[in-house]
């Protein structure tokens, strides 16, 4: 029987949403490891004591650093698989079982080197199911969700709702802690492809997930709006990944071009413009100087 451990990273969570996330996954995994990035309080968190492990960090080290600690703790507890989840993601009762079955079918029956299998998600801000971005050999294309396609190959899976074997980290490596938060899941997925792995989204599983604090409609596009500091990481990490020669060339150019798309959007059409401009300019500077870690 495979042992599956969920890794949940927290940072000043909404306790009600966190409890809903925990309740949705507790019965689906053998254990939940909570790595807390120095939250003010976790008072009120409801979780079965026999299933939980909580490790509190002395400062906010970012999601990737915390995930890596969780992976290490899971491996020490002889986990065969780890399941990543965010503090506000709610899953259907069959999610982990379906992901596990899909992973085993792809790897054992179809003889595919599987990097990660993840879920589709419905953004709570607008109720839309996510589309995916994928390199088609000529460009990075946008592919809309089609429920009749039960499993689709993707270049990456978003972190929350993703299932990995613990053995895959021996080859591909852990999450890039230097990125701190944004693009961590994308970087790992592209890196896994470099090692010959394939990543998948299982459309049978749709989680409730919140991207950003809200959405704005601009020129026919739905744009996620985060806290202003996230603009720093978005720009900086896009530049850092653009400069990495080992990554897919089309994705590298995609990262570069998106910085010049997001800069005018967040400078002109979103509140707290001066603060966002400051963070984005700092992000450009630090990205080209390859400065990683916390702002």
Protein backbone atom coordinates (compact mmCIF):
# COMPACT_ATOMS: atom_id res chain seq x y z
CA UNK A 1 0.00 0.00 0.00
CA UNK A 2 1.49 3.33 -1.07
CA UNK A 3 2.12 5.92 1.62
CA UNK A 4 1.02 9.41 0.63
CA UNK A 5 1.86 12.48 2.69
CA UNK A 6 0.34 15.90 2.03
CA UNK A 7 2.58 18.95 2.34
CA UNK A 8 0.77 22.12 3.28
CA UNK A 9 2.61 25.46 3.46
CA UNK A 10 0.97 28.18 5.53
CA UNK A 11 1.54 31.90 5.94
CA UNK A 12 -0.93 34.01 7.93
CA UNK A 13 -3.84 31.90 6.70
CA UNK A 14 -7.54 32.59 6.91
CA UNK A 15 -8.25 29.91 9.53
CA UNK A 16 -11.73 29.15 8.23
CA UNK A 17 -10.42 28.55 4.70
CA UNK A 18 -7.45 26.59 6.05
CA UNK A 19 -9.72 24.28 8.04
CA UNK A 20 -11.85 23.71 4.95
CA UNK A 21 -8.73 22.80 2.96
CA UNK A 22 -7.52 20.41 5.67
CA UNK A 23 -10.95 18.80 6.04
CA UNK A 24 -11.09 18.13 2.29
CA UNK A 25 -7.84 16.17 2.28
CA UNK A 26 -7.40 14.56 5.73
CA UNK A 27 -9.15 11.28 4.84
CA UNK A 28 -7.32 11.02 1.50
CA UNK A 29 -3.72 10.88 2.78
CA UNK A 30 -1.76 9.07 5.46
CA UNK A 31 -0.39 12.22 7.04
CA UNK A 32 -0.33 16.01 6.67
CA UNK A 33 2.89 17.92 7.19
CA UNK A 34 2.26 21.63 7.77
CA UNK A 35 5.26 23.88 7.26
CA UNK A 36 4.40 27.31 8.62
CA UNK A 37 6.28 30.32 7.27
CA UNK A 38 6.25 32.26 10.55
CA UNK A 39 2.54 33.08 10.68
CA UNK A 40 1.29 35.38 13.41
CA UNK A 41 -0.96 32.59 14.65
CA UNK A 42 -2.31 29.18 13.73
CA UNK A 43 -4.79 29.23 16.58
CA UNK A 44 -8.03 27.50 15.68
CA UNK A 45 -6.58 25.04 13.17
CA UNK A 46 -8.55 21.78 13.32
CA UNK A 47 -6.70 18.62 12.42
CA UNK A 48 -6.46 15.09 13.77
CA UNK A 49 -3.40 14.99 16.05
CA UNK A 50 -2.49 11.52 14.80
CA UNK A 51 -2.21 12.80 11.25
CA UNK A 52 -0.59 16.19 11.67
CA UNK A 53 2.99 17.34 11.89
CA UNK A 54 3.47 21.10 12.25
CA UNK A 55 6.86 22.69 11.84
CA UNK A 56 7.10 26.43 12.39
CA UNK A 57 9.91 28.35 10.71
CA UNK A 58 11.62 31.28 12.43
CA UNK A 59 10.95 33.59 9.48
CA UNK A 60 9.12 33.60 6.16
CA UNK A 61 11.44 31.58 3.92
CA UNK A 62 9.08 31.35 0.94
CA UNK A 63 6.94 28.55 -0.43
CA UNK A 64 9.70 26.62 -2.21
CA UNK A 65 11.97 26.46 0.87
CA UNK A 66 9.03 25.28 2.98
CA UNK A 67 8.00 22.68 0.38
CA UNK A 68 11.54 21.33 0.36
CA UNK A 69 11.46 20.89 4.13
CA UNK A 70 8.15 19.08 3.77
CA UNK A 71 9.58 16.78 1.09
CA UNK A 72 12.56 15.98 3.31
CA UNK A 73 10.31 15.18 6.28
CA UNK A 74 8.05 13.02 4.09
CA UNK A 75 10.99 11.03 2.75
CA UNK A 76 12.22 10.41 6.31
CA UNK A 77 8.76 9.02 7.05
CA UNK A 78 9.06 6.62 4.09
CA UNK A 79 6.48 8.32 1.91
CA UNK A 80 6.10 6.94 -1.61
CA UNK A 81 4.28 10.05 -2.83
CA UNK A 82 3.87 13.66 -1.73
CA UNK A 83 0.83 15.78 -2.44
CA UNK A 84 1.21 19.57 -2.45
CA UNK A 85 -1.63 21.79 -1.31
CA UNK A 86 -2.16 25.48 -0.55
CA UNK A 87 -3.84 26.87 2.53
CA UNK A 88 -7.01 27.86 0.64
CA UNK A 89 -7.43 24.95 -1.80
CA UNK A 90 -10.44 22.64 -1.39
CA UNK A 91 -10.47 19.20 -3.03
CA UNK A 92 -13.11 16.67 -3.99
CA UNK A 93 -13.10 13.45 -1.99
CA UNK A 94 -11.66 11.33 -4.79
CA UNK A 95 -8.80 13.66 -5.80
CA UNK A 96 -5.73 11.88 -4.41
CA UNK A 97 -7.01 8.43 -5.39
CA UNK A 98 -7.67 9.58 -8.97
CA UNK A 99 -4.26 11.25 -9.25
CA UNK A 100 -2.55 8.14 -7.91
CA UNK A 101 -4.39 5.89 -10.35
CA UNK A 102 -3.51 8.21 -13.23
CA UNK A 103 0.14 8.38 -12.20
CA UNK A 104 0.43 4.60 -11.96
CA UNK A 105 -1.36 4.02 -15.26
CA UNK A 106 0.88 6.49 -17.09
CA UNK A 107 4.10 5.21 -15.54
CA UNK A 108 3.41 1.48 -15.38
CA UNK A 109 1.02 0.75 -18.24
CA UNK A 110 2.12 3.43 -20.70
CA UNK A 111 5.78 3.31 -19.57
CA UNK A 112 6.04 7.10 -19.31
CA UNK A 113 8.52 8.87 -17.05
CA UNK A 114 6.06 10.97 -15.05
CA UNK A 115 7.24 14.13 -13.39
CA UNK A 116 4.02 15.33 -11.79
CA UNK A 117 0.29 14.83 -12.15
CA UNK A 118 -1.94 17.68 -11.04
CA UNK A 119 -5.52 18.82 -10.94
CA UNK A 120 -7.47 21.38 -12.89
CA UNK A 121 -8.76 24.25 -10.79
CA UNK A 122 -11.70 26.60 -10.67
CA UNK A 123 -10.70 30.10 -9.59
CA UNK A 124 -12.97 31.26 -6.77
CA UNK A 125 -12.62 34.84 -8.01
CA UNK A 126 -14.44 34.21 -11.28
CA UNK A 127 -15.56 30.52 -11.27
CA UNK A 128 -13.62 29.79 -14.51
CA UNK A 129 -11.70 26.52 -14.88
CA UNK A 130 -8.08 27.14 -15.74
CA UNK A 131 -6.62 26.99 -19.20
CA UNK A 132 -3.10 25.68 -19.68
CA UNK A 133 -0.05 27.06 -21.46
CA UNK A 134 2.01 24.58 -23.46
CA UNK A 135 4.91 24.67 -25.90
CA UNK A 136 3.63 23.25 -29.20
CA UNK A 137 7.06 23.28 -30.83
CA UNK A 138 6.56 26.71 -32.40
CA UNK A 139 5.17 28.89 -29.62
CA UNK A 140 3.66 28.82 -26.15
CA UNK A 141 -0.02 28.22 -26.84
CA UNK A 142 -3.09 28.71 -24.68
CA UNK A 143 -5.29 25.60 -24.40
CA UNK A 144 -8.75 25.83 -22.88
CA UNK A 145 -10.16 23.27 -20.48
CA UNK A 146 -12.00 20.42 -22.22
CA UNK A 147 -13.60 17.98 -19.75
CA UNK A 148 -13.80 15.20 -22.34
CA UNK A 149 -9.99 15.03 -22.28
CA UNK A 150 -9.52 13.17 -19.00
CA UNK A 151 -5.74 13.56 -18.94
CA UNK A 152 -3.75 16.16 -20.86
CA UNK A 153 -0.01 16.58 -21.08
CA UNK A 154 1.17 19.93 -19.75
CA UNK A 155 4.52 21.64 -19.43
CA UNK A 156 3.91 22.16 -15.72
CA UNK A 157 1.27 21.72 -13.05
CA UNK A 158 0.46 24.41 -10.53
CA UNK A 159 1.78 23.52 -7.11
CA UNK A 160 -1.47 23.01 -5.21
CA UNK A 161 -3.13 19.73 -6.06
CA UNK A 162 -0.02 18.11 -7.52
CA UNK A 163 1.23 14.59 -6.82
CA UNK A 164 4.86 13.47 -7.08
CA UNK A 165 6.72 10.28 -6.32
CA UNK A 166 9.41 10.97 -3.77
CA UNK A 167 11.91 9.24 -6.06
CA UNK A 168 11.49 11.85 -8.81
CA UNK A 169 13.30 14.41 -6.65
CA UNK A 170 16.44 12.23 -6.73
CA UNK A 171 16.79 13.02 -10.44
CA UNK A 172 15.07 16.34 -11.00
CA UNK A 173 15.95 17.93 -7.66
CA UNK A 174 13.85 19.88 -5.19
CA UNK A 175 12.00 23.16 -5.67
CA UNK A 176 14.12 26.23 -6.39
CA UNK A 177 14.10 27.97 -3.00
CA UNK A 178 15.84 31.03 -4.45
CA UNK A 179 12.71 31.96 -6.40
CA UNK A 180 10.91 32.29 -3.05
CA UNK A 181 7.33 32.21 -4.41
CA UNK A 182 6.33 32.98 -8.01
CA UNK A 183 7.06 30.60 -10.93
CA UNK A 184 8.41 27.87 -8.63
CA UNK A 185 6.06 25.24 -10.03
CA UNK A 186 6.69 26.29 -13.63
CA UNK A 187 10.46 26.14 -13.21
CA UNK A 188 10.30 22.65 -11.68
CA UNK A 189 8.02 21.37 -14.46
CA UNK A 190 10.31 22.68 -17.20
CA UNK A 191 13.35 21.30 -15.39
CA UNK A 192 11.69 17.88 -15.17
CA UNK A 193 11.13 17.96 -18.94
CA UNK A 194 14.87 18.49 -19.39
CA UNK A 195 15.38 15.14 -17.66
CA UNK A 196 12.94 13.39 -19.96
CA UNK A 197 9.88 13.48 -17.71
CA UNK A 198 6.36 14.39 -18.78
CA UNK A 199 3.81 16.29 -16.71
CA UNK A 200 0.04 15.88 -16.75
CA UNK A 201 -3.21 17.52 -15.69
CA UNK A 202 -6.07 15.22 -14.69
CA UNK A 203 -9.26 16.99 -15.72
CA UNK A 204 -11.48 14.67 -13.70
CA UNK A 205 -10.19 16.47 -10.60
CA UNK A 206 -11.16 20.12 -10.24
CA UNK A 207 -10.22 21.93 -7.05
CA UNK A 208 -11.53 25.21 -5.70
CA UNK A 209 -8.57 27.57 -5.65
CA UNK A 210 -7.97 31.31 -5.31
CA UNK A 211 -5.52 33.00 -7.67
CA UNK A 212 -4.67 36.50 -6.49
CA UNK A 213 -6.83 38.81 -4.41
CA UNK A 214 -9.16 39.62 -7.30
CA UNK A 215 -9.50 39.66 -11.10
CA UNK A 216 -9.77 42.60 -13.49
CA UNK A 217 -10.92 42.49 -17.11
CA UNK A 218 -8.58 44.34 -19.42
CA UNK A 219 -8.56 44.31 -23.21
CA UNK A 220 -10.46 41.03 -23.24
CA UNK A 221 -8.14 39.32 -20.76
CA UNK A 222 -8.69 38.38 -17.13
CA UNK A 223 -5.75 39.60 -15.07
CA UNK A 224 -5.00 38.36 -11.55
CA UNK A 225 -4.22 41.10 -9.05
CA UNK A 226 -1.98 40.19 -6.12
CA UNK A 227 -0.52 42.11 -3.22
CA UNK A 228 1.98 44.69 -4.66
CA UNK A 229 5.05 42.84 -3.34
CA UNK A 230 4.16 39.92 -5.61
CA UNK A 231 4.84 42.19 -8.60
CA UNK A 232 8.48 42.20 -7.50
CA UNK A 233 8.74 38.41 -7.51
CA UNK A 234 6.77 38.09 -10.73
CA UNK A 235 9.11 40.41 -12.62
CA UNK A 236 12.33 39.31 -10.94
CA UNK A 237 11.73 35.60 -11.35
CA UNK A 238 10.61 36.02 -14.97
CA UNK A 239 13.94 37.71 -15.73
CA UNK A 240 15.88 35.08 -13.78
CA UNK A 241 14.25 32.24 -15.72
CA UNK A 242 14.70 34.09 -19.02
CA UNK A 243 18.45 34.13 -18.33
CA UNK A 244 18.69 30.39 -17.64
CA UNK A 245 20.15 28.75 -20.72
CA UNK A 246 19.13 25.25 -19.61
CA UNK A 247 15.41 26.01 -19.90
CA UNK A 248 13.20 25.73 -22.96
CA UNK A 249 14.00 28.62 -25.34
CA UNK A 250 10.38 29.43 -26.16
CA UNK A 251 9.47 29.50 -22.50
CA UNK A 252 12.45 31.75 -21.76
CA UNK A 253 11.23 34.26 -24.34
CA UNK A 254 7.71 33.95 -22.96
CA UNK A 255 8.99 34.94 -19.51
CA UNK A 256 10.85 37.90 -20.98
CA UNK A 257 7.93 39.23 -23.04
CA UNK A 258 5.43 38.90 -20.19
CA UNK A 259 7.44 41.33 -18.05
CA UNK A 260 6.81 44.06 -20.63
CA UNK A 261 3.13 43.14 -20.68
CA UNK A 262 2.67 43.18 -16.92
CA UNK A 263 4.64 46.38 -16.31
CA UNK A 264 2.15 48.73 -18.03
CA UNK A 265 -0.84 46.79 -16.69
CA UNK A 266 0.19 47.08 -13.05
CA UNK A 267 1.55 50.61 -13.55
CA UNK A 268 -1.59 52.06 -15.14
CA UNK A 269 -4.66 49.99 -14.37
CA UNK A 270 -4.31 48.69 -10.80
CA UNK A 271 -4.42 50.48 -7.47
CA UNK A 272 -1.24 51.29 -5.48
CA UNK A 273 0.54 52.10 -8.73
CA UNK A 274 3.58 53.89 -7.27
CA UNK A 275 4.30 51.02 -4.92
CA UNK A 276 3.93 48.49 -7.74
CA UNK A 277 6.21 50.48 -10.05
CA UNK A 278 8.86 50.57 -7.32
CA UNK A 279 8.65 46.82 -6.79
CA UNK A 280 8.71 46.03 -10.50
CA UNK A 281 11.72 48.25 -11.21
CA UNK A 282 13.51 46.60 -8.31
CA UNK A 283 12.49 43.24 -9.76
CA UNK A 284 14.03 44.09 -13.13
CA UNK A 285 17.27 45.17 -11.46
CA UNK A 286 17.55 42.13 -9.18
CA UNK A 287 16.52 39.75 -11.96
CA UNK A 288 19.27 40.89 -14.30
CA UNK A 289 21.72 40.70 -11.40
CA UNK A 290 20.46 37.20 -10.54
CA UNK A 291 19.57 38.13 -6.98
CA UNK A 292 17.34 35.49 -5.41
CA UNK A 293 15.62 34.91 -2.09
CA UNK A 294 13.47 37.27 -0.04
CA UNK A 295 12.88 40.88 -1.19
